[in-house]
C-alpha cells in the first residue's frame, strides 16, 4: 500500500468519527467553532471550517446541540455550541458503539 493510499484511508477514518469527536469535546465544555477546531487539532484531527460548520448545523438540526451568542472581547460576537440532553444520550450510545468496535478490532487482530 502506498503512502497516498494510507493517507486517504486515515483521512476517511477521521471523517467517520468527526461527529463523535465534536460531541465528545462539547461534553466537556461549550465552545465556539474556532475553539472546536483548535481542540480537534490538538487531538491530531485536522478539520477546516468548511467541514465543521455543516456538521454543526446537522447536529443542531438533529437536536444534539444548541447554541448561544456571546460578546467577544476581540471582534464580533461568538456562537457557542452546547450539547443538549439528546446530544448526551447520543454520545453515550456512540461511546458504547466505539467500545464494541475497538473490542472487535482487537479480536480480529489477534
PDB file of N, CA and C in Angstrom:
ATOM      1  N   UNK A   1       0.852  -1.178   0.000  1.00  0.00           N
ATOM      2  CA  UNK A   1       0.000   0.000   0.000  1.00  0.00           C
ATOM      3  C   UNK A   1       0.893   1.233   0.000  1.00  0.00           C
ATOM      4  N   UNK A   2       0.640   2.148  -0.911  1.00  0.00           N
ATOM      5  CA  UNK A   2       1.494   3.332  -0.967  1.00  0.00           C
ATOM      6  C   UNK A   2       1.046   4.379   0.050  1.00  0.00           C
ATOM      7  N   UNK A   3       1.906   5.374   0.256  1.00  0.00           N
ATOM      8  CA  UNK A   3       1.660   6.381   1.287  1.00  0.00           C
ATOM      9  C   UNK A   3       0.404   7.198   1.012  1.00  0.00           C
ATOM     10  N   UNK A   4       0.147   7.549  -0.262  1.00  0.00           N
ATOM     11  CA  UNK A   4      -1.051   8.331  -0.590  1.00  0.00           C
ATOM     12  C   UNK A   4      -2.320   7.575  -0.220  1.00  0.00           C
ATOM     13  N   UNK A   5      -2.327   6.267  -0.505  1.00  0.00           N
ATOM     14  CA  UNK A   5      -3.488   5.448  -0.190  1.00  0.00           C
ATOM     15  C   UNK A   5      -3.679   5.371   1.322  1.00  0.00           C
ATOM     16  N   UNK A   6      -2.580   5.209   2.069  1.00  0.00           N
ATOM     17  CA  UNK A   6      -2.649   5.164   3.529  1.00  0.00           C
ATOM     18  C   UNK A   6      -3.180   6.479   4.074  1.00  0.00           C
ATOM     19  N   UNK A   7      -2.697   7.596   3.556  1.00  0.00           N
ATOM     20  CA  UNK A   7      -3.182   8.904   3.990  1.00  0.00           C
ATOM     21  C   UNK A   7      -4.672   9.061   3.724  1.00  0.00           C
ATOM     22  N   UNK A   8      -5.128   8.570   2.574  1.00  0.00           N
ATOM     23  CA  UNK A   8      -6.546   8.650   2.225  1.00  0.00           C
ATOM     24  C   UNK A   8      -7.381   7.823   3.201  1.00  0.00           C
ATOM     25  N   UNK A   9      -6.909   6.636   3.534  1.00  0.00           N
ATOM     26  CA  UNK A   9      -7.629   5.775   4.478  1.00  0.00           C
ATOM     27  C   UNK A   9      -7.712   6.453   5.845  1.00  0.00           C
ATOM     28  N   UNK A  10      -6.593   7.016   6.303  1.00  0.00           N
ATOM     29  CA  UNK A  10      -6.586   7.730   7.591  1.00  0.00           C
ATOM     30  C   UNK A  10      -7.580   8.889   7.562  1.00  0.00           C
ATOM     31  N   UNK A  11      -7.595   9.633   6.468  1.00  0.00           N
ATOM     32  CA  UNK A  11      -8.493  10.773   6.323  1.00  0.00           C
ATOM     33  C   UNK A  11      -9.949  10.323   6.394  1.00  0.00           C
ATOM     34  N   UNK A  12     -10.284   9.240   5.706  1.00  0.00           N
ATOM     35  CA  UNK A  12     -11.651   8.728   5.707  1.00  0.00           C
ATOM     36  C   UNK A  12     -12.065   8.242   7.102  1.00  0.00           C
ATOM     37  N   UNK A  13     -11.130   7.611   7.813  1.00  0.00           N
ATOM     38  CA  UNK A  13     -11.433   7.137   9.166  1.00  0.00           C
ATOM     39  C   UNK A  13     -11.683   8.321  10.099  1.00  0.00           C
ATOM     40  N   UNK A  14     -10.884   9.362   9.976  1.00  0.00           N
ATOM     41  CA  UNK A  14     -11.070  10.548  10.815  1.00  0.00           C
ATOM     42  C   UNK A  14     -12.417  11.206  10.539  1.00  0.00           C
ATOM     43  N   UNK A  15     -12.766  11.320   9.250  1.00  0.00           N
ATOM     44  CA  UNK A  15     -14.065  11.908   8.902  1.00  0.00           C
ATOM     45  C   UNK A  15     -15.195  11.097   9.497  1.00  0.00           C
ATOM     46  N   UNK A  16     -15.025   9.789   9.532  1.00  0.00           N
ATOM     47  CA  UNK A  16     -16.053   8.902  10.062  1.00  0.00           C
ATOM     48  C   UNK A  16     -16.323   9.094  11.541  1.00  0.00           C
ATOM     49  N   UNK A  17     -15.326   9.556  12.282  1.00  0.00           N
ATOM     50  CA  UNK A  17     -15.505   9.742  13.729  1.00  0.00           C
ATOM     51  C   UNK A  17     -15.601  11.212  14.123  1.00  0.00           C
ATOM     52  N   UNK A  18     -15.606  12.102  13.163  1.00  0.00           N
ATOM     53  CA  UNK A  18     -15.592  13.530  13.461  1.00  0.00           C
ATOM     54  C   UNK A  18     -16.819  13.977  14.261  1.00  0.00           C
ATOM     55  N   UNK A  19     -17.992  13.502  13.899  1.00  0.00           N
ATOM     56  CA  UNK A  19     -19.200  13.897  14.637  1.00  0.00           C
ATOM     57  C   UNK A  19     -19.123  13.416  16.082  1.00  0.00           C
ATOM     58  N   UNK A  20     -18.585  12.229  16.279  1.00  0.00           N
ATOM     59  CA  UNK A  20     -18.377  11.682  17.618  1.00  0.00           C
ATOM     60  C   UNK A  20     -17.393  12.569  18.391  1.00  0.00           C
ATOM     61  N   UNK A  21     -16.328  12.982  17.738  1.00  0.00           N
ATOM     62  CA  UNK A  21     -15.326  13.846  18.370  1.00  0.00           C
ATOM     63  C   UNK A  21     -15.922  15.197  18.776  1.00  0.00           C
ATOM     64  N   UNK A  22     -16.749  15.770  17.924  1.00  0.00           N
ATOM     65  CA  UNK A  22     -17.382  17.061  18.221  1.00  0.00           C
ATOM     66  C   UNK A  22     -18.238  16.936  19.485  1.00  0.00           C
ATOM     67  N   UNK A  23     -19.064  15.895  19.552  1.00  0.00           N
ATOM     68  CA  UNK A  23     -19.905  15.698  20.730  1.00  0.00           C
ATOM     69  C   UNK A  23     -19.051  15.482  21.978  1.00  0.00           C
ATOM     70  N   UNK A  24     -17.951  14.754  21.833  1.00  0.00           N
ATOM     71  CA  UNK A  24     -17.057  14.493  22.966  1.00  0.00           C
ATOM     72  C   UNK A  24     -16.447  15.782  23.498  1.00  0.00           C
ATOM     73  N   UNK A  25     -16.020  16.662  22.602  1.00  0.00           N
ATOM     74  CA  UNK A  25     -15.439  17.942  23.019  1.00  0.00           C
ATOM     75  C   UNK A  25     -16.497  18.791  23.722  1.00  0.00           C
ATOM     76  N   UNK A  26     -17.687  18.865  23.144  1.00  0.00           N
ATOM     77  CA  UNK A  26     -18.741  19.697  23.719  1.00  0.00           C
ATOM     78  C   UNK A  26     -19.292  19.126  25.023  1.00  0.00           C
ATOM     79  N   UNK A  27     -19.072  17.843  25.252  1.00  0.00           N
ATOM     80  CA  UNK A  27     -19.499  17.242  26.512  1.00  0.00           C
ATOM     81  C   UNK A  27     -18.684  17.789  27.679  1.00  0.00           C
ATOM     82  N   UNK A  28     -17.450  18.198  27.400  1.00  0.00           N
ATOM     83  CA  UNK A  28     -16.582  18.749  28.443  1.00  0.00           C
ATOM     84  C   UNK A  28     -16.888  20.217  28.718  1.00  0.00           C
ATOM     85  N   UNK A  29     -17.127  20.981  27.650  1.00  0.00           N
ATOM     86  CA  UNK A  29     -17.446  22.401  27.822  1.00  0.00           C
ATOM     87  C   UNK A  29     -17.989  22.971  26.524  1.00  0.00           C
ATOM     88  N   UNK A  30     -18.765  24.036  26.655  1.00  0.00           N
ATOM     89  CA  UNK A  30     -19.269  24.740  25.482  1.00  0.00           C
ATOM     90  C   UNK A  30     -18.077  25.304  24.715  1.00  0.00           C
ATOM     91  N   UNK A  31     -18.235  25.480  23.418  1.00  0.00           N
ATOM     92  CA  UNK A  31     -17.132  26.001  22.614  1.00  0.00           C
ATOM     93  C   UNK A  31     -17.675  26.683  21.367  1.00  0.00           C
ATOM     94  N   UNK A  32     -16.901  27.617  20.831  1.00  0.00           N
ATOM     95  CA  UNK A  32     -17.235  28.228  19.547  1.00  0.00           C
ATOM     96  C   UNK A  32     -16.401  27.535  18.481  1.00  0.00           C
ATOM     97  N   UNK A  33     -16.734  27.751  17.223  1.00  0.00           N
ATOM     98  CA  UNK A  33     -16.166  26.957  16.125  1.00  0.00           C
ATOM     99  C   UNK A  33     -14.639  26.956  16.097  1.00  0.00           C
ATOM    100  N   UNK A  34     -14.016  28.131  16.197  1.00  0.00           N
ATOM    101  CA  UNK A  34     -12.545  28.177  16.149  1.00  0.00           C
ATOM    102  C   UNK A  34     -11.924  27.416  17.310  1.00  0.00           C
ATOM    103  N   UNK A  35     -12.583  27.484  18.452  1.00  0.00           N
ATOM    104  CA  UNK A  35     -12.116  26.760  19.632  1.00  0.00           C
ATOM    105  C   UNK A  35     -12.224  25.246  19.402  1.00  0.00           C
ATOM    106  N   UNK A  36     -13.345  24.823  18.815  1.00  0.00           N
ATOM    107  CA  UNK A  36     -13.522  23.405  18.473  1.00  0.00           C
ATOM    108  C   UNK A  36     -12.423  22.932  17.530  1.00  0.00           C
ATOM    109  N   UNK A  37     -12.151  23.722  16.511  1.00  0.00           N
ATOM    110  CA  UNK A  37     -11.106  23.370  15.545  1.00  0.00           C
ATOM    111  C   UNK A  37      -9.770  23.210  16.270  1.00  0.00           C
ATOM    112  N   UNK A  38      -9.466  24.139  17.186  1.00  0.00           N
ATOM    113  CA  UNK A  38      -8.218  24.065  17.941  1.00  0.00           C
ATOM    114  C   UNK A  38      -8.122  22.825  18.802  1.00  0.00           C
ATOM    115  N   UNK A  39      -9.217  22.480  19.480  1.00  0.00           N
ATOM    116  CA  UNK A  39      -9.216  21.289  20.331  1.00  0.00           C
ATOM    117  C   UNK A  39      -9.079  20.016  19.504  1.00  0.00           C
ATOM    118  N   UNK A  40      -9.741  19.977  18.367  1.00  0.00           N
ATOM    119  CA  UNK A  40      -9.611  18.819  17.486  1.00  0.00           C
ATOM    120  C   UNK A  40      -8.188  18.727  16.932  1.00  0.00           C
ATOM    121  N   UNK A  41      -7.619  19.877  16.574  1.00  0.00           N
ATOM    122  CA  UNK A  41      -6.242  19.910  16.070  1.00  0.00           C
ATOM    123  C   UNK A  41      -5.266  19.413  17.137  1.00  0.00           C
ATOM    124  N   UNK A  42      -5.491  19.827  18.396  1.00  0.00           N
ATOM    125  CA  UNK A  42      -4.648  19.353  19.496  1.00  0.00           C
ATOM    126  C   UNK A  42      -4.696  17.834  19.619  1.00  0.00           C
ATOM    127  N   UNK A  43      -5.832  17.250  19.260  1.00  0.00           N
ATOM    128  CA  UNK A  43      -6.001  15.794  19.300  1.00  0.00           C
ATOM    129  C   UNK A  43      -5.579  15.149  17.976  1.00  0.00           C
ATOM    130  N   UNK A  44      -4.932  15.933  17.118  1.00  0.00           N
ATOM    131  CA  UNK A  44      -4.411  15.481  15.817  1.00  0.00           C
ATOM    132  C   UNK A  44      -5.506  15.123  14.821  1.00  0.00           C
ATOM    133  N   UNK A  45      -6.654  15.771  14.958  1.00  0.00           N
ATOM    134  CA  UNK A  45      -7.710  15.656  13.956  1.00  0.00           C
ATOM    135  C   UNK A  45      -7.789  17.016  13.281  1.00  0.00           C
ATOM    136  N   UNK A  46      -7.333  17.073  12.068  1.00  0.00           N
ATOM    137  CA  UNK A  46      -7.304  18.328  11.329  1.00  0.00           C
ATOM    138  C   UNK A  46      -8.644  18.500  10.624  1.00  0.00           C
ATOM    139  N   UNK A  47      -9.293  19.609  10.926  1.00  0.00           N
ATOM    140  CA  UNK A  47     -10.591  19.898  10.314  1.00  0.00           C
ATOM    141  C   UNK A  47     -10.624  21.385   9.986  1.00  0.00           C
ATOM    142  N   UNK A  48     -11.255  21.724   8.893  1.00  0.00           N
ATOM    143  CA  UNK A  48     -11.364  23.116   8.480  1.00  0.00           C
ATOM    144  C   UNK A  48     -12.807  23.581   8.660  1.00  0.00           C
ATOM    145  N   UNK A  49     -12.989  24.896   8.690  1.00  0.00           N
ATOM    146  CA  UNK A  49     -14.324  25.456   8.908  1.00  0.00           C
ATOM    147  C   UNK A  49     -15.331  24.936   7.900  1.00  0.00           C
ATOM    148  N   UNK A  50     -14.904  24.767   6.656  1.00  0.00           N
ATOM    149  CA  UNK A  50     -15.802  24.295   5.605  1.00  0.00           C
ATOM    150  C   UNK A  50     -16.330  22.896   5.857  1.00  0.00           C
ATOM    151  N   UNK A  51     -15.622  22.119   6.661  1.00  0.00           N
ATOM    152  CA  UNK A  51     -16.079  20.786   7.056  1.00  0.00           C
ATOM    153  C   UNK A  51     -16.877  20.853   8.343  1.00  0.00           C
ATOM    154  N   UNK A  52     -16.414  21.692   9.280  1.00  0.00           N
ATOM    155  CA  UNK A  52     -17.018  21.755  10.607  1.00  0.00           C
ATOM    156  C   UNK A  52     -18.429  22.342  10.608  1.00  0.00           C
ATOM    157  N   UNK A  53     -18.612  23.469   9.941  1.00  0.00           N
ATOM    158  CA  UNK A  53     -19.910  24.151  10.008  1.00  0.00           C
ATOM    159  C   UNK A  53     -21.083  23.296   9.524  1.00  0.00           C
ATOM    160  N   UNK A  54     -20.963  22.575   8.413  1.00  0.00           N
ATOM    161  CA  UNK A  54     -22.090  21.714   8.010  1.00  0.00           C
ATOM    162  C   UNK A  54     -22.394  20.626   9.052  1.00  0.00           C
ATOM    163  N   UNK A  55     -21.348  20.084   9.695  1.00  0.00           N
ATOM    164  CA  UNK A  55     -21.571  19.072  10.728  1.00  0.00           C
ATOM    165  C   UNK A  55     -22.285  19.672  11.936  1.00  0.00           C
ATOM    166  N   UNK A  56     -21.860  20.866  12.352  1.00  0.00           N
ATOM    167  CA  UNK A  56     -22.511  21.536  13.479  1.00  0.00           C
ATOM    168  C   UNK A  56     -23.977  21.832  13.159  1.00  0.00           C
ATOM    169  N   UNK A  57     -24.237  22.280  11.938  1.00  0.00           N
ATOM    170  CA  UNK A  57     -25.620  22.562  11.524  1.00  0.00           C
ATOM    171  C   UNK A  57     -26.454  21.290  11.541  1.00  0.00           C
ATOM    172  N   UNK A  58     -25.897  20.196  11.023  1.00  0.00           N
ATOM    173  CA  UNK A  58     -26.627  18.926  11.007  1.00  0.00           C
ATOM    174  C   UNK A  58     -26.912  18.458  12.434  1.00  0.00           C
ATOM    175  N   UNK A  59     -25.904  18.552  13.321  1.00  0.00           N
ATOM    176  CA  UNK A  59     -26.103  18.120  14.697  1.00  0.00           C
ATOM    177  C   UNK A  59     -27.130  19.007  15.416  1.00  0.00           C
ATOM    178  N   UNK A  60     -27.120  20.301  15.102  1.00  0.00           N
ATOM    179  CA  UNK A  60     -28.116  21.214  15.676  1.00  0.00           C
ATOM    180  C   UNK A  60     -29.511  20.827  15.186  1.00  0.00           C
ATOM    181  N   UNK A  61     -29.651  20.571  13.886  1.00  0.00           N
ATOM    182  CA  UNK A  61     -30.947  20.196  13.313  1.00  0.00           C
ATOM    183  C   UNK A  61     -31.449  18.859  13.854  1.00  0.00           C
ATOM    184  N   UNK A  62     -30.530  17.996  14.271  1.00  0.00           N
ATOM    185  CA  UNK A  62     -30.906  16.709  14.864  1.00  0.00           C
ATOM    186  C   UNK A  62     -31.229  16.850  16.357  1.00  0.00           C
ATOM    187  N   UNK A  63     -31.054  18.055  16.882  1.00  0.00           N
ATOM    188  CA  UNK A  63     -31.348  18.293  18.294  1.00  0.00           C
ATOM    189  C   UNK A  63     -30.244  17.853  19.241  1.00  0.00           C
ATOM    190  N   UNK A  64     -29.043  17.613  18.702  1.00  0.00           N
ATOM    191  CA  UNK A  64     -27.934  17.137  19.525  1.00  0.00           C
ATOM    192  C   UNK A  64     -27.198  18.280  20.221  1.00  0.00           C
ATOM    193  N   UNK A  65     -27.300  19.462  19.636  1.00  0.00           N
ATOM    194  CA  UNK A  65     -26.670  20.622  20.255  1.00  0.00           C
ATOM    195  C   UNK A  65     -27.474  21.860  19.956  1.00  0.00           C
ATOM    196  N   UNK A  66     -27.182  22.885  20.708  1.00  0.00           N
ATOM    197  CA  UNK A  66     -27.813  24.179  20.533  1.00  0.00           C
ATOM    198  C   UNK A  66     -26.700  25.216  20.597  1.00  0.00           C
ATOM    199  N   UNK A  67     -27.046  26.474  20.414  1.00  0.00           N
ATOM    200  CA  UNK A  67     -26.011  27.498  20.503  1.00  0.00           C
ATOM    201  C   UNK A  67     -26.567  28.779  21.101  1.00  0.00           C
ATOM    202  N   UNK A  68     -25.644  29.600  21.534  1.00  0.00           N
ATOM    203  CA  UNK A  68     -25.986  30.926  22.048  1.00  0.00           C
ATOM    204  C   UNK A  68     -24.914  31.888  21.565  1.00  0.00           C
ATOM    205  N   UNK A  69     -25.272  33.143  21.437  1.00  0.00           N
ATOM    206  CA  UNK A  69     -24.323  34.175  21.047  1.00  0.00           C
ATOM    207  C   UNK A  69     -23.759  34.851  22.294  1.00  0.00           C
ATOM    208  N   UNK A  70     -22.449  35.081  22.295  1.00  0.00           N
ATOM    209  CA  UNK A  70     -21.803  35.810  23.389  1.00  0.00           C
ATOM    210  C   UNK A  70     -20.905  36.878  22.814  1.00  0.00           C
ATOM    211  N   UNK A  71     -20.899  38.022  23.467  1.00  0.00           N
ATOM    212  CA  UNK A  71     -19.988  39.093  23.063  1.00  0.00           C
ATOM    213  C   UNK A  71     -18.554  38.609  23.212  1.00  0.00           C
ATOM    214  N   UNK A  72     -17.704  39.054  22.318  1.00  0.00           N
ATOM    215  CA  UNK A  72     -16.296  38.682  22.348  1.00  0.00           C
ATOM    216  C   UNK A  72     -15.454  39.910  22.659  1.00  0.00           C
ATOM    217  N   UNK A  73     -14.415  39.742  23.486  1.00  0.00           N
ATOM    218  CA  UNK A  73     -13.539  40.885  23.747  1.00  0.00           C
ATOM    219  C   UNK A  73     -12.766  41.309  22.489  1.00  0.00           C
ATOM    220  N   UNK A  74     -12.591  40.357  21.565  1.00  0.00           N
ATOM    221  CA  UNK A  74     -11.911  40.663  20.300  1.00  0.00           C
ATOM    222  C   UNK A  74     -12.863  40.374  19.140  1.00  0.00           C
ATOM    223  N   UNK A  75     -13.400  41.407  18.560  1.00  0.00           N
ATOM    224  CA  UNK A  75     -14.196  41.234  17.353  1.00  0.00           C
ATOM    225  C   UNK A  75     -15.665  40.991  17.607  1.00  0.00           C
ATOM    226  N   UNK A  76     -16.317  40.364  16.624  1.00  0.00           N
ATOM    227  CA  UNK A  76     -17.777  40.177  16.673  1.00  0.00           C
ATOM    228  C   UNK A  76     -18.177  39.137  17.723  1.00  0.00           C
ATOM    229  N   UNK A  77     -19.478  39.065  18.041  1.00  0.00           N
ATOM    230  CA  UNK A  77     -19.959  38.040  18.983  1.00  0.00           C
ATOM    231  C   UNK A  77     -19.635  36.634  18.471  1.00  0.00           C
ATOM    232  N   UNK A  78     -19.506  35.707  19.407  1.00  0.00           N
ATOM    233  CA  UNK A  78     -19.184  34.318  19.059  1.00  0.00           C
ATOM    234  C   UNK A  78     -20.394  33.426  19.319  1.00  0.00           C
ATOM    235  N   UNK A  79     -20.553  32.434  18.454  1.00  0.00           N
ATOM    236  CA  UNK A  79     -21.619  31.448  18.601  1.00  0.00           C
ATOM    237  C   UNK A  79     -21.047  30.267  19.386  1.00  0.00           C
ATOM    238  N   UNK A  80     -21.503  30.103  20.623  1.00  0.00           N
ATOM    239  CA  UNK A  80     -21.054  28.993  21.463  1.00  0.00           C
ATOM    240  C   UNK A  80     -22.025  27.826  21.339  1.00  0.00           C
ATOM    241  N   UNK A  81     -21.474  26.649  21.064  1.00  0.00           N
ATOM    242  CA  UNK A  81     -22.270  25.438  20.918  1.00  0.00           C
ATOM    243  C   UNK A  81     -22.322  24.689  22.244  1.00  0.00           C
ATOM    244  N   UNK A  82     -23.485  24.129  22.543  1.00  0.00           N
ATOM    245  CA  UNK A  82     -23.738  23.414  23.790  1.00  0.00           C
ATOM    246  C   UNK A  82     -24.411  22.090  23.482  1.00  0.00           C
ATOM    247  N   UNK A  83     -23.998  21.047  24.146  1.00  0.00           N
ATOM    248  CA  UNK A  83     -24.629  19.739  23.997  1.00  0.00           C
ATOM    249  C   UNK A  83     -25.999  19.756  24.676  1.00  0.00           C
ATOM    250  N   UNK A  84     -26.995  19.180  24.024  1.00  0.00           N
ATOM    251  CA  UNK A  84     -28.330  19.051  24.623  1.00  0.00           C
ATOM    252  C   UNK A  84     -28.407  17.710  25.363  1.00  0.00           C
ATOM    253  N   UNK A  85     -29.513  17.502  26.071  1.00  0.00           N
ATOM    254  CA  UNK A  85     -29.716  16.206  26.734  1.00  0.00           C
ATOM    255  C   UNK A  85     -29.728  15.079  25.693  1.00  0.00           C
ATOM    256  N   UNK A  86     -30.380  15.333  24.561  1.00  0.00           N
ATOM    257  CA  UNK A  86     -30.400  14.335  23.487  1.00  0.00           C
ATOM    258  C   UNK A  86     -28.979  14.085  22.980  1.00  0.00           C
ATOM    259  N   UNK A  87     -28.182  15.146  22.861  1.00  0.00           N
ATOM    260  CA  UNK A  87     -26.798  15.005  22.434  1.00  0.00           C
ATOM    261  C   UNK A  87     -25.995  14.145  23.393  1.00  0.00           C
ATOM    262  N   UNK A  88     -26.242  14.308  24.699  1.00  0.00           N
ATOM    263  CA  UNK A  88     -25.550  13.485  25.704  1.00  0.00           C
ATOM    264  C   UNK A  88     -25.955  12.015  25.574  1.00  0.00           C
ATOM    265  N   UNK A  89     -27.241  11.776  25.310  1.00  0.00           N
ATOM    266  CA  UNK A  89     -27.716  10.396  25.119  1.00  0.00           C
ATOM    267  C   UNK A  89     -27.065   9.770  23.891  1.00  0.00           C
ATOM    268  N   UNK A  90     -27.020  10.515  22.800  1.00  0.00           N
ATOM    269  CA  UNK A  90     -26.399  10.008  21.570  1.00  0.00           C
ATOM    270  C   UNK A  90     -24.909   9.758  21.809  1.00  0.00           C
ATOM    271  N   UNK A  91     -24.261  10.636  22.553  1.00  0.00           N
ATOM    272  CA  UNK A  91     -22.843  10.457  22.865  1.00  0.00           C
ATOM    273  C   UNK A  91     -22.636   9.168  23.669  1.00  0.00           C
ATOM    274  N   UNK A  92     -23.510   8.890  24.619  1.00  0.00           N
ATOM    275  CA  UNK A  92     -23.403   7.637  25.376  1.00  0.00           C
ATOM    276  C   UNK A  92     -23.535   6.428  24.448  1.00  0.00           C
ATOM    277  N   UNK A  93     -24.478   6.497  23.502  1.00  0.00           N
ATOM    278  CA  UNK A  93     -24.638   5.413  22.533  1.00  0.00           C
ATOM    279  C   UNK A  93     -23.385   5.266  21.674  1.00  0.00           C
ATOM    280  N   UNK A  94     -22.815   6.406  21.266  1.00  0.00           N
ATOM    281  CA  UNK A  94     -21.591   6.367  20.457  1.00  0.00           C
ATOM    282  C   UNK A  94     -20.428   5.783  21.261  1.00  0.00           C
ATOM    283  N   UNK A  95     -20.350   6.130  22.559  1.00  0.00           N
ATOM    284  CA  UNK A  95     -19.304   5.564  23.415  1.00  0.00           C
ATOM    285  C   UNK A  95     -19.402   4.044  23.441  1.00  0.00           C
ATOM    286  N   UNK A  96     -20.614   3.530  23.601  1.00  0.00           N
ATOM    287  CA  UNK A  96     -20.816   2.074  23.628  1.00  0.00           C
ATOM    288  C   UNK A  96     -20.430   1.453  22.283  1.00  0.00           C
ATOM    289  N   UNK A  97     -20.875   2.084  21.204  1.00  0.00           N
ATOM    290  CA  UNK A  97     -20.568   1.563  19.867  1.00  0.00           C
ATOM    291  C   UNK A  97     -19.059   1.576  19.623  1.00  0.00           C
ATOM    292  N   UNK A  98     -18.386   2.650  20.049  1.00  0.00           N
ATOM    293  CA  UNK A  98     -16.939   2.761  19.855  1.00  0.00           C
ATOM    294  C   UNK A  98     -16.227   1.635  20.615  1.00  0.00           C
ATOM    295  N   UNK A  99     -16.644   1.385  21.861  1.00  0.00           N
ATOM    296  CA  UNK A  99     -16.038   0.319  22.663  1.00  0.00           C
ATOM    297  C   UNK A  99     -16.207  -1.028  21.964  1.00  0.00           C
ATOM    298  N   UNK A 100     -17.404  -1.272  21.425  1.00  0.00           N
ATOM    299  CA  UNK A 100     -17.653  -2.530  20.707  1.00  0.00           C
ATOM    300  C   UNK A 100     -16.766  -2.652  19.474  1.00  0.00           C
ATOM    301  N   UNK A 101     -16.615  -1.567  18.725  1.00  0.00           N
ATOM    302  CA  UNK A 101     -15.778  -1.591  17.516  1.00  0.00           C
ATOM    303  C   UNK A 101     -14.327  -1.883  17.878  1.00  0.00           C
ATOM    304  N   UNK A 102     -13.823  -1.201  18.914  1.00  0.00           N
ATOM    305  CA  UNK A 102     -12.430  -1.405  19.341  1.00  0.00           C
ATOM    306  C   UNK A 102     -12.231  -2.851  19.791  1.00  0.00           C
ATOM    307  N   UNK A 103     -13.176  -3.393  20.571  1.00  0.00           N
ATOM    308  CA  UNK A 103     -13.060  -4.784  21.024  1.00  0.00           C
ATOM    309  C   UNK A 103     -13.071  -5.748  19.846  1.00  0.00           C
ATOM    310  N   UNK A 104     -13.926  -5.490  18.873  1.00  0.00           N
ATOM    311  CA  UNK A 104     -13.986  -6.339  17.678  1.00  0.00           C
ATOM    312  C   UNK A 104     -12.669  -6.304  16.918  1.00  0.00           C
ATOM    313  N   UNK A 105     -12.134  -5.104  16.719  1.00  0.00           N
ATOM    314  CA  UNK A 105     -10.864  -4.987  16.005  1.00  0.00           C
ATOM    315  C   UNK A 105      -9.731  -5.684  16.751  1.00  0.00           C
ATOM    316  N   UNK A 106      -9.728  -5.562  18.071  1.00  0.00           N
ATOM    317  CA  UNK A 106      -8.694  -6.227  18.845  1.00  0.00           C
ATOM    318  C   UNK A 106      -8.797  -7.758  18.703  1.00  0.00           C
ATOM    319  N   UNK A 107     -10.017  -8.283  18.696  1.00  0.00           N
ATOM    320  CA  UNK A 107     -10.207  -9.719  18.493  1.00  0.00           C
ATOM    321  C   UNK A 107      -9.723 -10.148  17.112  1.00  0.00           C
ATOM    322  N   UNK A 108     -10.061  -9.364  16.098  1.00  0.00           N
ATOM    323  CA  UNK A 108      -9.680  -9.721  14.732  1.00  0.00           C
ATOM    324  C   UNK A 108      -8.176  -9.629  14.518  1.00  0.00           C
ATOM    325  N   UNK A 109      -7.530  -8.724  15.199  1.00  0.00           N
ATOM    326  CA  UNK A 109      -6.091  -8.509  15.006  1.00  0.00           C
ATOM    327  C   UNK A 109      -5.256  -9.545  15.744  1.00  0.00           C
ATOM    328  N   UNK A 110      -5.836 -10.261  16.693  1.00  0.00           N
ATOM    329  CA  UNK A 110      -5.079 -11.272  17.473  1.00  0.00           C
ATOM    330  C   UNK A 110      -4.824 -12.516  16.655  1.00  0.00           C
TER     331      UNK A 110
END
